[in-house]
Amino acid sequence: MAHDGGGEARRRVQDLAAGFRGADVLLACAELGVFDALAAGPAAPGAVAAQTGTDARAVELLLNAATSLGLLRKAGGQFRLAPDVAPLLVRGTPGSLASSLVLQSAHARRWAHLAEAVRSGRRPPENSRDEAPPDWVERFVLGIYASAAAQAPAVAEALELPRDRDLRLLDVGGCHGAYSMALAGRYPRLSAVVVDLPAVVAVAERLIADAGWSHRVRASAGDFHQDALGSGFDVALVFGVLNGEPPEARPALIRKVFDALVPGGWIVLRDSVLDPDRAGPPEAALFAVQMLLATDGGGLDTRDDWARWLADAGFESPADVATADGAAGTLVVARRPA
C-alpha cells in the first residue's frame, strides 16, 4: 500500500497528536485566572504569579506559550491581553467565554481517560470526580450558560409561535433558562417553567432574576425521569437533554412530552445530530465520544432517529428550523395533532 511517509498525511497526524498542547495552555490560563489577572493592564510574570497563587518561573513559561498562540502580547518583559480576544477571556465582560473555558478544563481532564472508557464501555470512575465538589453544579450551569445566552436570541427569532394568545412553555431540563428567557422576550404573552434538578434550579433562579425575567420565567425543581411533567403546555423545549440519556430513555422522554402538551402544541428539539452513517460531522462525532466520557449511556442521534421517535409518540411530521447564524445546533419542530 503506497503512503506519503513524509508529506501532508504525516503532518496531519502529527498535528492531531499534538493539538492538545495549545488547548491546554488556553484552558490552564482560564482555570488559573491568568486572563483576569491581566484585565487591568500589562503585568510582569511575578505580579501575575502573586495574583494567581502560582510559581513565577512556571507562570512565565505559560505566559510565553500563550503569547505564541496569539492570546497575549509581550513587550518589555510584561504581558497583556491580545485586544482581539480580550473580551472573550475576562470574566464579566459581555460575551465572555471565561466560564465556558473553565468548564472545558474539566472536559479536557475527562478526555485523558478515553482509552479506558473505550475498553470498558463505561464512564471511567475518575471522570465523576469533578462533580464531587460543592461548586460543581454552579460551575457547570454558568459554563454552558455563557454559550447558550449568545445563541438563544437567534433560536427565539427562528421559532414562529402564535402572538394572539397566551402561551405556556415547558423547558425540560432547561438548566439555566436562557432559551425560555429569550422566547419570553420575543413573545410578550408567553410564560415559561424551567424544570430541572434542585441544585440546578438554585443557580437558574439567580440567573433568571438577574436578567429581570422572574415574573414570567419560573424555575421548578423536578426530575423528569421520575416526576410528571404536568399538562396544558403549548410549547415544550427539549434542548441538549437527549444527549445525556441512555438510548432507551430518549424516545420515552419524547412520549412524556407529548402527554404534557395540549392538542396542537409543539415540541422543539435542539442538539447536535449525527449524519446517517454516524461518522460525522466531525464536531458531532467528537461530542458523541464526550458523552461516553461524561455520562453513563448518553450519546447523539440522527435526524432519522428523531423522526422515528416523534412519529411513534404521535407527533406530526417534524420540520427543520434554520437559525440566522447557523450556530445554534439542529432545531426540529413537531406538532401534536390538534
C-alpha atoms as a PDB file:
ATOM      1  CA  MET A   1       0.000   0.000   0.000  1.00  0.00           C
ATOM      2  CA  ALA A   2       1.527   3.315  -1.051  1.00  0.00           C
ATOM      3  CA  HIS A   3       1.793   6.052   1.503  1.00  0.00           C
ATOM      4  CA  ASP A   4       3.262   9.521   1.828  1.00  0.00           C
ATOM      5  CA  GLY A   5       5.576   8.938   4.796  1.00  0.00           C
ATOM      6  CA  GLY A   6       6.983  12.463   4.826  1.00  0.00           C
ATOM      7  CA  GLY A   7       4.179  14.509   3.371  1.00  0.00           C
ATOM      8  CA  GLU A   8       0.857  16.042   4.213  1.00  0.00           C
ATOM      9  CA  ALA A   9      -0.625  12.918   5.811  1.00  0.00           C
ATOM     10  CA  ARG A  10       2.297  12.687   8.225  1.00  0.00           C
ATOM     11  CA  ARG A  11       1.959  16.329   9.224  1.00  0.00           C
ATOM     12  CA  ARG A  12      -1.799  15.943   9.686  1.00  0.00           C
ATOM     13  CA  VAL A  13      -1.339  13.003  12.055  1.00  0.00           C
ATOM     14  CA  GLN A  14       1.390  14.823  13.993  1.00  0.00           C
ATOM     15  CA  ASP A  15      -0.745  17.954  14.329  1.00  0.00           C
ATOM     16  CA  LEU A  16      -3.680  15.907  15.616  1.00  0.00           C
ATOM     17  CA  ALA A  17      -1.451  14.153  18.147  1.00  0.00           C
ATOM     18  CA  ALA A  18      -0.027  17.424  19.467  1.00  0.00           C
ATOM     19  CA  GLY A  19      -3.186  19.512  19.274  1.00  0.00           C
ATOM     20  CA  PHE A  20      -3.890  19.132  22.995  1.00  0.00           C
ATOM     21  CA  ARG A  21      -0.942  21.367  23.898  1.00  0.00           C
ATOM     22  CA  GLY A  22      -2.380  24.628  22.628  1.00  0.00           C
ATOM     23  CA  ALA A  23      -5.791  23.822  24.097  1.00  0.00           C
ATOM     24  CA  ASP A  24      -4.223  23.056  27.469  1.00  0.00           C
ATOM     25  CA  VAL A  25      -2.381  26.377  27.504  1.00  0.00           C
ATOM     26  CA  LEU A  26      -5.637  28.250  26.894  1.00  0.00           C
ATOM     27  CA  LEU A  27      -7.577  26.231  29.472  1.00  0.00           C
ATOM     28  CA  ALA A  28      -4.858  26.440  32.133  1.00  0.00           C
ATOM     29  CA  CYS A  29      -4.753  30.236  31.777  1.00  0.00           C
ATOM     30  CA  ALA A  30      -8.523  30.352  32.246  1.00  0.00           C
ATOM     31  CA  GLU A  31      -8.588  27.948  35.188  1.00  0.00           C
ATOM     32  CA  LEU A  32      -5.721  29.690  36.999  1.00  0.00           C
ATOM     33  CA  GLY A  33      -7.170  33.172  36.473  1.00  0.00           C
ATOM     34  CA  VAL A  34      -4.285  34.415  34.326  1.00  0.00           C
ATOM     35  CA  PHE A  35      -6.543  36.328  31.947  1.00  0.00           C
ATOM     36  CA  ASP A  36      -8.375  38.012  34.823  1.00  0.00           C
ATOM     37  CA  ALA A  37      -5.013  38.974  36.346  1.00  0.00           C
ATOM     38  CA  LEU A  38      -4.136  40.825  33.137  1.00  0.00           C
ATOM     39  CA  ALA A  39      -7.536  42.508  32.750  1.00  0.00           C
ATOM     40  CA  ALA A  40      -6.332  45.731  34.401  1.00  0.00           C
ATOM     41  CA  GLY A  41      -3.323  46.076  32.112  1.00  0.00           C
ATOM     42  CA  PRO A  42       0.201  44.781  31.401  1.00  0.00           C
ATOM     43  CA  ALA A  43       1.967  42.907  34.184  1.00  0.00           C
ATOM     44  CA  ALA A  44       5.248  41.092  34.765  1.00  0.00           C
ATOM     45  CA  PRO A  45       5.265  37.353  35.477  1.00  0.00           C
ATOM     46  CA  GLY A  46       5.972  37.945  39.168  1.00  0.00           C
ATOM     47  CA  ALA A  47       2.865  40.078  39.523  1.00  0.00           C
ATOM     48  CA  VAL A  48       0.738  37.512  37.694  1.00  0.00           C
ATOM     49  CA  ALA A  49       2.138  34.749  39.913  1.00  0.00           C
ATOM     50  CA  ALA A  50       1.317  36.709  43.068  1.00  0.00           C
ATOM     51  CA  GLN A  51      -2.239  37.351  41.940  1.00  0.00           C
ATOM     52  CA  THR A  52      -2.930  33.785  40.792  1.00  0.00           C
ATOM     53  CA  GLY A  53      -1.060  31.881  43.504  1.00  0.00           C
ATOM     54  CA  THR A  54       1.296  30.223  41.025  1.00  0.00           C
ATOM     55  CA  ASP A  55       5.053  29.744  40.670  1.00  0.00           C
ATOM     56  CA  ALA A  56       6.715  32.752  38.986  1.00  0.00           C
ATOM     57  CA  ARG A  57       9.020  30.729  36.708  1.00  0.00           C
ATOM     58  CA  ALA A  58       6.271  28.311  35.688  1.00  0.00           C
ATOM     59  CA  VAL A  59       3.728  31.023  35.009  1.00  0.00           C
ATOM     60  CA  GLU A  60       6.262  32.858  32.834  1.00  0.00           C
ATOM     61  CA  LEU A  61       6.575  29.723  30.706  1.00  0.00           C
ATOM     62  CA  LEU A  62       2.785  29.627  30.441  1.00  0.00           C
ATOM     63  CA  LEU A  63       2.580  33.327  29.551  1.00  0.00           C
ATOM     64  CA  ASN A  64       5.184  32.906  26.817  1.00  0.00           C
ATOM     65  CA  ALA A  65       3.287  29.955  25.381  1.00  0.00           C
ATOM     66  CA  ALA A  66       0.012  31.921  25.451  1.00  0.00           C
ATOM     67  CA  THR A  67       1.793  34.742  23.630  1.00  0.00           C
ATOM     68  CA  SER A  68       2.975  32.340  20.926  1.00  0.00           C
ATOM     69  CA  LEU A  69      -0.664  31.314  20.410  1.00  0.00           C
ATOM     70  CA  GLY A  70      -1.809  34.918  19.942  1.00  0.00           C
ATOM     71  CA  LEU A  71      -3.693  35.119  23.240  1.00  0.00           C
ATOM     72  CA  LEU A  72      -1.274  37.624  24.792  1.00  0.00           C
ATOM     73  CA  ARG A  73       1.186  40.314  23.719  1.00  0.00           C
ATOM     74  CA  LYS A  74       4.657  40.726  25.248  1.00  0.00           C
ATOM     75  CA  ALA A  75       6.769  43.867  25.464  1.00  0.00           C
ATOM     76  CA  GLY A  76       9.483  44.964  27.882  1.00  0.00           C
ATOM     77  CA  GLY A  77       9.144  41.813  29.979  1.00  0.00           C
ATOM     78  CA  GLN A  78       5.452  42.432  30.576  1.00  0.00           C
ATOM     79  CA  PHE A  79       2.395  40.656  29.206  1.00  0.00           C
ATOM     80  CA  ARG A  80      -1.005  41.992  28.212  1.00  0.00           C
ATOM     81  CA  LEU A  81      -4.141  40.533  26.693  1.00  0.00           C
ATOM     82  CA  ALA A  82      -4.358  40.474  22.900  1.00  0.00           C
ATOM     83  CA  PRO A  83      -7.009  43.106  22.057  1.00  0.00           C
ATOM     84  CA  ASP A  84      -8.999  40.923  19.676  1.00  0.00           C
ATOM     85  CA  VAL A  85      -9.596  38.118  22.190  1.00  0.00           C
ATOM     86  CA  ALA A  86      -9.514  40.052  25.482  1.00  0.00           C
ATOM     87  CA  PRO A  87     -13.325  40.471  25.767  1.00  0.00           C
ATOM     88  CA  LEU A  88     -13.750  36.715  25.351  1.00  0.00           C
ATOM     89  CA  LEU A  89     -11.264  35.744  28.051  1.00  0.00           C
ATOM     90  CA  VAL A  90     -12.047  38.016  31.008  1.00  0.00           C
ATOM     91  CA  ARG A  91     -14.884  37.269  33.414  1.00  0.00           C
ATOM     92  CA  GLY A  92     -17.799  39.674  33.493  1.00  0.00           C
ATOM     93  CA  THR A  93     -17.336  41.196  30.033  1.00  0.00           C
ATOM     94  CA  PRO A  94     -20.247  40.960  27.560  1.00  0.00           C
ATOM     95  CA  GLY A  95     -20.000  37.750  25.573  1.00  0.00           C
ATOM     96  CA  SER A  96     -17.200  36.390  27.756  1.00  0.00           C
ATOM     97  CA  LEU A  97     -16.286  32.717  27.371  1.00  0.00           C
ATOM     98  CA  ALA A  98     -14.381  32.601  30.675  1.00  0.00           C
ATOM     99  CA  SER A  99     -16.886  30.381  32.500  1.00  0.00           C
ATOM    100  CA  SER A 100     -17.163  28.120  29.474  1.00  0.00           C
ATOM    101  CA  LEU A 101     -13.374  27.739  29.317  1.00  0.00           C
ATOM    102  CA  VAL A 102     -13.199  26.717  32.977  1.00  0.00           C
ATOM    103  CA  LEU A 103     -15.814  24.058  32.259  1.00  0.00           C
ATOM    104  CA  GLN A 104     -13.804  22.909  29.265  1.00  0.00           C
ATOM    105  CA  SER A 105     -10.885  22.270  31.619  1.00  0.00           C
ATOM    106  CA  ALA A 106     -12.982  19.601  33.322  1.00  0.00           C
ATOM    107  CA  HIS A 107     -13.878  18.127  29.940  1.00  0.00           C
ATOM    108  CA  ALA A 108     -10.182  18.032  28.974  1.00  0.00           C
ATOM    109  CA  ARG A 109      -9.343  16.031  32.087  1.00  0.00           C
ATOM    110  CA  ARG A 110     -12.063  13.559  31.154  1.00  0.00           C
ATOM    111  CA  TRP A 111     -10.670  13.079  27.658  1.00  0.00           C
ATOM    112  CA  ALA A 112      -7.399  11.858  29.190  1.00  0.00           C
ATOM    113  CA  HIS A 113      -9.294   8.655  30.116  1.00  0.00           C
ATOM    114  CA  LEU A 114     -10.692   7.953  26.640  1.00  0.00           C
ATOM    115  CA  ALA A 115      -8.823   4.686  26.073  1.00  0.00           C
ATOM    116  CA  GLU A 116     -10.080   3.354  29.406  1.00  0.00           C
ATOM    117  CA  ALA A 117     -13.672   4.316  28.543  1.00  0.00           C
ATOM    118  CA  VAL A 118     -13.462   2.500  25.208  1.00  0.00           C
ATOM    119  CA  ARG A 119     -12.044  -0.611  26.869  1.00  0.00           C
ATOM    120  CA  SER A 120     -14.818  -0.771  29.446  1.00  0.00           C
ATOM    121  CA  GLY A 121     -17.669   0.833  27.511  1.00  0.00           C
ATOM    122  CA  ARG A 122     -18.459   2.944  30.559  1.00  0.00           C
ATOM    123  CA  ARG A 123     -17.609   6.334  32.016  1.00  0.00           C
ATOM    124  CA  PRO A 124     -14.342   5.948  33.957  1.00  0.00           C
ATOM    125  CA  PRO A 125     -14.709   6.490  37.722  1.00  0.00           C
ATOM    126  CA  GLU A 126     -12.137   9.294  37.563  1.00  0.00           C
ATOM    127  CA  ASN A 127     -14.479  11.279  35.343  1.00  0.00           C
ATOM    128  CA  SER A 128     -17.049  11.607  38.097  1.00  0.00           C
ATOM    129  CA  ARG A 129     -14.653  13.284  40.498  1.00  0.00           C
ATOM    130  CA  ASP A 130     -15.098  16.757  39.004  1.00  0.00           C
ATOM    131  CA  GLU A 131     -18.747  16.549  40.038  1.00  0.00           C
ATOM    132  CA  ALA A 132     -17.969  15.943  43.712  1.00  0.00           C
ATOM    133  CA  PRO A 133     -17.033  19.498  44.828  1.00  0.00           C
ATOM    134  CA  PRO A 134     -19.988  21.530  46.119  1.00  0.00           C
ATOM    135  CA  ASP A 135     -19.469  24.243  43.489  1.00  0.00           C
ATOM    136  CA  TRP A 136     -19.508  21.824  40.538  1.00  0.00           C
ATOM    137  CA  VAL A 137     -23.177  22.363  39.632  1.00  0.00           C
ATOM    138  CA  GLU A 138     -22.804  26.144  39.676  1.00  0.00           C
ATOM    139  CA  ARG A 139     -19.655  25.996  37.533  1.00  0.00           C
ATOM    140  CA  PHE A 140     -21.384  23.638  35.109  1.00  0.00           C
ATOM    141  CA  VAL A 141     -24.529  25.775  34.761  1.00  0.00           C
ATOM    142  CA  LEU A 142     -22.568  29.024  34.361  1.00  0.00           C
ATOM    143  CA  GLY A 143     -20.229  27.363  31.879  1.00  0.00           C
ATOM    144  CA  ILE A 144     -22.969  26.295  29.481  1.00  0.00           C
ATOM    145  CA  TYR A 145     -24.991  29.464  30.093  1.00  0.00           C
ATOM    146  CA  ALA A 146     -22.122  31.503  28.623  1.00  0.00           C
ATOM    147  CA  SER A 147     -22.608  29.991  25.171  1.00  0.00           C
ATOM    148  CA  ALA A 148     -26.380  29.469  25.426  1.00  0.00           C
ATOM    149  CA  ALA A 149     -27.048  33.129  26.215  1.00  0.00           C
ATOM    150  CA  ALA A 150     -25.271  34.096  22.993  1.00  0.00           C
ATOM    151  CA  GLN A 151     -27.248  31.618  20.870  1.00  0.00           C
ATOM    152  CA  ALA A 152     -30.670  31.989  22.490  1.00  0.00           C
ATOM    153  CA  PRO A 153     -31.776  35.172  20.664  1.00  0.00           C
ATOM    154  CA  ALA A 154     -31.212  33.515  17.271  1.00  0.00           C
ATOM    155  CA  VAL A 155     -33.233  30.485  18.383  1.00  0.00           C
ATOM    156  CA  ALA A 156     -36.074  32.664  19.644  1.00  0.00           C
ATOM    157  CA  GLU A 157     -36.093  34.612  16.380  1.00  0.00           C
ATOM    158  CA  ALA A 158     -36.242  31.415  14.320  1.00  0.00           C
ATOM    159  CA  LEU A 159     -39.203  29.853  16.131  1.00  0.00           C
ATOM    160  CA  GLU A 160     -42.575  31.065  14.880  1.00  0.00           C
ATOM    161  CA  LEU A 161     -45.220  30.854  17.621  1.00  0.00           C
ATOM    162  CA  PRO A 162     -48.690  32.415  17.874  1.00  0.00           C
ATOM    163  CA  ARG A 163     -48.786  36.013  19.111  1.00  0.00           C
ATOM    164  CA  ASP A 164     -52.554  36.353  19.510  1.00  0.00           C
ATOM    165  CA  ARG A 165     -52.938  34.306  22.713  1.00  0.00           C
ATOM    166  CA  ASP A 166     -51.257  33.324  25.931  1.00  0.00           C
ATOM    167  CA  LEU A 167     -48.632  30.601  25.645  1.00  0.00           C
ATOM    168  CA  ARG A 168     -47.367  28.235  28.338  1.00  0.00           C
ATOM    169  CA  LEU A 169     -43.865  26.911  27.701  1.00  0.00           C
ATOM    170  CA  LEU A 170     -42.222  23.897  29.341  1.00  0.00           C
ATOM    171  CA  ASP A 171     -38.405  23.885  29.292  1.00  0.00           C
ATOM    172  CA  VAL A 172     -37.471  20.248  30.033  1.00  0.00           C
ATOM    173  CA  GLY A 173     -34.089  20.019  31.735  1.00  0.00           C
ATOM    174  CA  GLY A 174     -33.749  23.693  30.845  1.00  0.00           C
ATOM    175  CA  CYS A 175     -30.818  24.236  33.220  1.00  0.00           C
ATOM    176  CA  HIS A 176     -30.039  27.973  33.036  1.00  0.00           C
ATOM    177  CA  GLY A 177     -33.287  29.059  31.358  1.00  0.00           C
ATOM    178  CA  ALA A 178     -31.546  31.116  28.663  1.00  0.00           C
ATOM    179  CA  TYR A 179     -33.833  29.916  25.865  1.00  0.00           C
ATOM    180  CA  SER A 180     -37.003  30.425  27.892  1.00  0.00           C
ATOM    181  CA  MET A 181     -35.906  33.981  28.682  1.00  0.00           C
ATOM    182  CA  ALA A 182     -35.149  34.709  25.037  1.00  0.00           C
ATOM    183  CA  LEU A 183     -38.587  33.439  23.983  1.00  0.00           C
ATOM    184  CA  ALA A 184     -40.253  35.461  26.731  1.00  0.00           C
ATOM    185  CA  GLY A 185     -38.502  38.495  25.269  1.00  0.00           C
ATOM    186  CA  ARG A 186     -39.869  37.837  21.816  1.00  0.00           C
ATOM    187  CA  TYR A 187     -43.390  36.771  22.839  1.00  0.00           C
ATOM    188  CA  PRO A 188     -44.967  39.118  25.413  1.00  0.00           C
ATOM    189  CA  ARG A 189     -47.802  36.682  26.176  1.00  0.00           C
ATOM    190  CA  LEU A 190     -45.529  33.704  26.869  1.00  0.00           C
ATOM    191  CA  SER A 191     -44.744  32.351  30.336  1.00  0.00           C
ATOM    192  CA  ALA A 192     -42.280  29.545  30.971  1.00  0.00           C
ATOM    193  CA  VAL A 193     -41.475  26.848  33.508  1.00  0.00           C
ATOM    194  CA  VAL A 194     -37.874  25.598  33.547  1.00  0.00           C
ATOM    195  CA  VAL A 195     -37.776  22.102  35.083  1.00  0.00           C
ATOM    196  CA  ASP A 196     -34.506  20.731  36.404  1.00  0.00           C
ATOM    197  CA  LEU A 197     -32.894  19.166  39.465  1.00  0.00           C
ATOM    198  CA  PRO A 198     -32.963  21.188  42.710  1.00  0.00           C
ATOM    199  CA  ALA A 199     -29.246  22.072  42.702  1.00  0.00           C
ATOM    200  CA  VAL A 200     -29.548  23.365  39.129  1.00  0.00           C
ATOM    201  CA  VAL A 201     -32.718  25.317  39.885  1.00  0.00           C
ATOM    202  CA  ALA A 202     -30.916  27.209  42.659  1.00  0.00           C
ATOM    203  CA  VAL A 203     -28.485  28.627  40.073  1.00  0.00           C
ATOM    204  CA  ALA A 204     -31.146  29.122  37.405  1.00  0.00           C
ATOM    205  CA  GLU A 205     -33.318  31.197  39.739  1.00  0.00           C
ATOM    206  CA  ARG A 206     -30.424  33.607  40.250  1.00  0.00           C
ATOM    207  CA  LEU A 207     -29.717  33.892  36.519  1.00  0.00           C
ATOM    208  CA  ILE A 208     -33.399  34.482  35.743  1.00  0.00           C
ATOM    209  CA  ALA A 209     -33.704  37.103  38.487  1.00  0.00           C
ATOM    210  CA  ASP A 210     -30.538  38.882  37.384  1.00  0.00           C
ATOM    211  CA  ALA A 211     -31.910  39.056  33.847  1.00  0.00           C
ATOM    212  CA  GLY A 212     -35.188  40.510  35.112  1.00  0.00           C
ATOM    213  CA  TRP A 213     -37.483  37.679  33.965  1.00  0.00           C
ATOM    214  CA  SER A 214     -38.692  36.190  37.263  1.00  0.00           C
ATOM    215  CA  HIS A 215     -42.212  37.500  36.644  1.00  0.00           C
ATOM    216  CA  ARG A 216     -42.646  35.307  33.539  1.00  0.00           C
ATOM    217  CA  VAL A 217     -39.988  32.589  33.723  1.00  0.00           C
ATOM    218  CA  ARG A 218     -40.067  30.254  36.718  1.00  0.00           C
ATOM    219  CA  ALA A 219     -37.570  27.552  37.643  1.00  0.00           C
ATOM    220  CA  SER A 220     -39.165  24.466  39.182  1.00  0.00           C
ATOM    221  CA  ALA A 221     -37.337  21.605  40.889  1.00  0.00           C
ATOM    222  CA  GLY A 222     -38.131  18.173  39.489  1.00  0.00           C
ATOM    223  CA  ASP A 223     -36.675  15.011  37.992  1.00  0.00           C
ATOM    224  CA  PHE A 224     -38.167  14.294  34.590  1.00  0.00           C
ATOM    225  CA  HIS A 225     -37.063  10.667  34.908  1.00  0.00           C
ATOM    226  CA  GLN A 226     -39.478  10.129  37.791  1.00  0.00           C
ATOM    227  CA  ASP A 227     -41.822  13.106  38.063  1.00  0.00           C
ATOM    228  CA  ALA A 228     -44.742  14.016  35.842  1.00  0.00           C
ATOM    229  CA  LEU A 229     -44.131  16.983  33.563  1.00  0.00           C
ATOM    230  CA  GLY A 230     -47.570  18.459  34.104  1.00  0.00           C
ATOM    231  CA  SER A 231     -50.074  19.224  31.369  1.00  0.00           C
ATOM    232  CA  GLY A 232     -51.597  22.038  29.375  1.00  0.00           C
ATOM    233  CA  PHE A 233     -48.393  23.344  27.790  1.00  0.00           C
ATOM    234  CA  ASP A 234     -48.433  24.925  24.338  1.00  0.00           C
ATOM    235  CA  VAL A 235     -44.698  24.522  23.670  1.00  0.00           C
ATOM    236  CA  ALA A 236     -42.035  22.236  25.093  1.00  0.00           C
ATOM    237  CA  LEU A 237     -38.289  22.716  24.639  1.00  0.00           C
ATOM    238  CA  VAL A 238     -36.023  19.663  24.811  1.00  0.00           C
ATOM    239  CA  PHE A 239     -32.655  21.322  24.330  1.00  0.00           C
ATOM    240  CA  GLY A 240     -29.414  19.426  24.875  1.00  0.00           C
ATOM    241  CA  VAL A 241     -31.206  16.855  27.034  1.00  0.00           C
ATOM    242  CA  LEU A 242     -31.451  13.744  24.874  1.00  0.00           C
ATOM    243  CA  ASN A 243     -27.653  13.531  24.555  1.00  0.00           C
ATOM    244  CA  GLY A 244     -27.300  12.743  28.248  1.00  0.00           C
ATOM    245  CA  GLU A 245     -29.918   9.989  28.286  1.00  0.00           C
ATOM    246  CA  PRO A 246     -29.425   6.250  27.690  1.00  0.00           C
ATOM    247  CA  PRO A 247     -30.719   5.157  24.257  1.00  0.00           C
ATOM    248  CA  GLU A 248     -33.996   3.691  25.545  1.00  0.00           C
ATOM    249  CA  ALA A 249     -34.774   6.791  27.636  1.00  0.00           C
ATOM    250  CA  ARG A 250     -34.701   9.213  24.688  1.00  0.00           C
ATOM    251  CA  PRO A 251     -37.912   8.082  22.944  1.00  0.00           C
ATOM    252  CA  ALA A 252     -39.519   7.628  26.364  1.00  0.00           C
ATOM    253  CA  LEU A 253     -38.903  11.291  27.175  1.00  0.00           C
ATOM    254  CA  ILE A 254     -40.415  12.377  23.861  1.00  0.00           C
ATOM    255  CA  ARG A 255     -43.556  10.362  24.664  1.00  0.00           C
ATOM    256  CA  LYS A 256     -43.713  12.011  28.071  1.00  0.00           C
ATOM    257  CA  VAL A 257     -43.501  15.460  26.485  1.00  0.00           C
ATOM    258  CA  PHE A 258     -46.319  14.541  24.085  1.00  0.00           C
ATOM    259  CA  ASP A 259     -48.591  13.899  27.078  1.00  0.00           C
ATOM    260  CA  ALA A 260     -47.693  17.277  28.619  1.00  0.00           C
ATOM    261  CA  LEU A 261     -48.739  19.260  25.517  1.00  0.00           C
ATOM    262  CA  VAL A 262     -52.199  20.482  24.584  1.00  0.00           C
ATOM    263  CA  PRO A 263     -53.598  19.256  21.257  1.00  0.00           C
ATOM    264  CA  GLY A 264     -51.893  21.358  18.614  1.00  0.00           C
ATOM    265  CA  GLY A 265     -48.882  22.026  20.873  1.00  0.00           C
ATOM    266  CA  TRP A 266     -45.288  21.968  19.665  1.00  0.00           C
ATOM    267  CA  ILE A 267     -42.202  20.085  20.763  1.00  0.00           C
ATOM    268  CA  VAL A 268     -38.869  21.697  19.838  1.00  0.00           C
ATOM    269  CA  LEU A 269     -35.748  19.526  19.850  1.00  0.00           C
ATOM    270  CA  ARG A 270     -32.288  21.067  19.797  1.00  0.00           C
ATOM    271  CA  ASP A 271     -28.971  19.227  19.868  1.00  0.00           C
ATOM    272  CA  SER A 272     -26.025  18.181  17.768  1.00  0.00           C
ATOM    273  CA  VAL A 273     -27.043  15.408  15.368  1.00  0.00           C
ATOM    274  CA  LEU A 274     -25.034  12.794  13.523  1.00  0.00           C
ATOM    275  CA  ASP A 275     -25.026  12.067   9.807  1.00  0.00           C
ATOM    276  CA  PRO A 276     -26.929   8.921   8.781  1.00  0.00           C
ATOM    277  CA  ASP A 277     -23.717   6.846   8.923  1.00  0.00           C
ATOM    278  CA  ARG A 278     -22.946   8.311  12.398  1.00  0.00           C
ATOM    279  CA  ALA A 279     -19.352   9.115  11.334  1.00  0.00           C
ATOM    280  CA  GLY A 280     -19.820  12.866  11.017  1.00  0.00           C
ATOM    281  CA  PRO A 281     -19.986  15.791  11.013  1.00  0.00           C
ATOM    282  CA  PRO A 282     -16.688  15.951  12.942  1.00  0.00           C
ATOM    283  CA  GLU A 283     -17.922  18.142  15.804  1.00  0.00           C
ATOM    284  CA  ALA A 284     -20.922  15.890  16.425  1.00  0.00           C
ATOM    285  CA  ALA A 285     -18.866  12.696  16.220  1.00  0.00           C
ATOM    286  CA  LEU A 286     -16.411  14.106  18.761  1.00  0.00           C
ATOM    287  CA  PHE A 287     -19.231  15.265  21.024  1.00  0.00           C
ATOM    288  CA  ALA A 288     -20.705  11.765  20.956  1.00  0.00           C
ATOM    289  CA  VAL A 289     -17.403  10.482  22.352  1.00  0.00           C
ATOM    290  CA  GLN A 290     -17.501  13.210  25.008  1.00  0.00           C
ATOM    291  CA  MET A 291     -20.856  11.892  26.173  1.00  0.00           C
ATOM    292  CA  LEU A 292     -19.248   8.468  26.643  1.00  0.00           C
ATOM    293  CA  LEU A 293     -16.745  10.164  28.938  1.00  0.00           C
ATOM    294  CA  ALA A 294     -19.281  12.280  30.818  1.00  0.00           C
ATOM    295  CA  THR A 295     -22.390  10.100  31.211  1.00  0.00           C
ATOM    296  CA  ASP A 296     -23.498   6.534  31.828  1.00  0.00           C
ATOM    297  CA  GLY A 297     -25.164   5.952  28.493  1.00  0.00           C
ATOM    298  CA  GLY A 298     -25.535   9.303  26.736  1.00  0.00           C
ATOM    299  CA  GLY A 299     -24.795   9.904  23.068  1.00  0.00           C
ATOM    300  CA  LEU A 300     -26.041  11.570  19.910  1.00  0.00           C
ATOM    301  CA  ASP A 301     -28.677  10.591  17.389  1.00  0.00           C
ATOM    302  CA  THR A 302     -29.509  11.146  13.740  1.00  0.00           C
ATOM    303  CA  ARG A 303     -32.421  13.096  12.302  1.00  0.00           C
ATOM    304  CA  ASP A 304     -33.964   9.756  11.315  1.00  0.00           C
ATOM    305  CA  ASP A 305     -33.866   8.643  14.954  1.00  0.00           C
ATOM    306  CA  TRP A 306     -35.687  11.784  15.995  1.00  0.00           C
ATOM    307  CA  ALA A 307     -38.263  11.446  13.209  1.00  0.00           C
ATOM    308  CA  ARG A 308     -38.995   7.841  14.185  1.00  0.00           C
ATOM    309  CA  TRP A 309     -39.364   8.615  17.894  1.00  0.00           C
ATOM    310  CA  LEU A 310     -41.577  11.624  17.209  1.00  0.00           C
ATOM    311  CA  ALA A 311     -43.828   9.581  14.920  1.00  0.00           C
ATOM    312  CA  ASP A 312     -44.041   6.730  17.433  1.00  0.00           C
ATOM    313  CA  ALA A 313     -45.090   9.215  20.137  1.00  0.00           C
ATOM    314  CA  GLY A 314     -47.873  10.569  17.908  1.00  0.00           C
ATOM    315  CA  PHE A 315     -46.388  13.819  16.602  1.00  0.00           C
ATOM    316  CA  GLU A 316     -46.969  15.022  13.065  1.00  0.00           C
ATOM    317  CA  SER A 317     -44.100  15.129  10.563  1.00  0.00           C
ATOM    318  CA  PRO A 318     -41.150  17.098  12.002  1.00  0.00           C
ATOM    319  CA  ALA A 319     -39.597  20.086  10.270  1.00  0.00           C
ATOM    320  CA  ASP A 320     -36.116  21.571  10.496  1.00  0.00           C
ATOM    321  CA  VAL A 321     -35.833  25.196  11.586  1.00  0.00           C
ATOM    322  CA  ALA A 322     -32.841  27.220  10.432  1.00  0.00           C
ATOM    323  CA  THR A 323     -31.344  29.942  12.636  1.00  0.00           C
ATOM    324  CA  ALA A 324     -29.917  33.136  11.210  1.00  0.00           C
ATOM    325  CA  ASP A 325     -26.293  32.421  12.135  1.00  0.00           C
ATOM    326  CA  GLY A 326     -26.473  28.627  11.810  1.00  0.00           C
ATOM    327  CA  ALA A 327     -24.569  28.289  15.081  1.00  0.00           C
ATOM    328  CA  ALA A 328     -27.382  27.146  17.348  1.00  0.00           C
ATOM    329  CA  GLY A 329     -27.264  23.434  16.512  1.00  0.00           C
ATOM    330  CA  THR A 330     -30.031  21.475  14.847  1.00  0.00           C
ATOM    331  CA  LEU A 331     -33.576  22.641  15.612  1.00  0.00           C
ATOM    332  CA  VAL A 332     -36.510  20.356  14.839  1.00  0.00           C
ATOM    333  CA  VAL A 333     -40.162  21.216  15.487  1.00  0.00           C
ATOM    334  CA  ALA A 334     -43.073  18.776  15.518  1.00  0.00           C
ATOM    335  CA  ARG A 335     -46.733  19.296  16.396  1.00  0.00           C
ATOM    336  CA  ARG A 336     -49.124  17.239  18.459  1.00  0.00           C
ATOM    337  CA  PRO A 337     -52.207  16.767  16.274  1.00  0.00           C
ATOM    338  CA  ALA A 338     -54.988  19.214  17.007  1.00  0.00           C
END
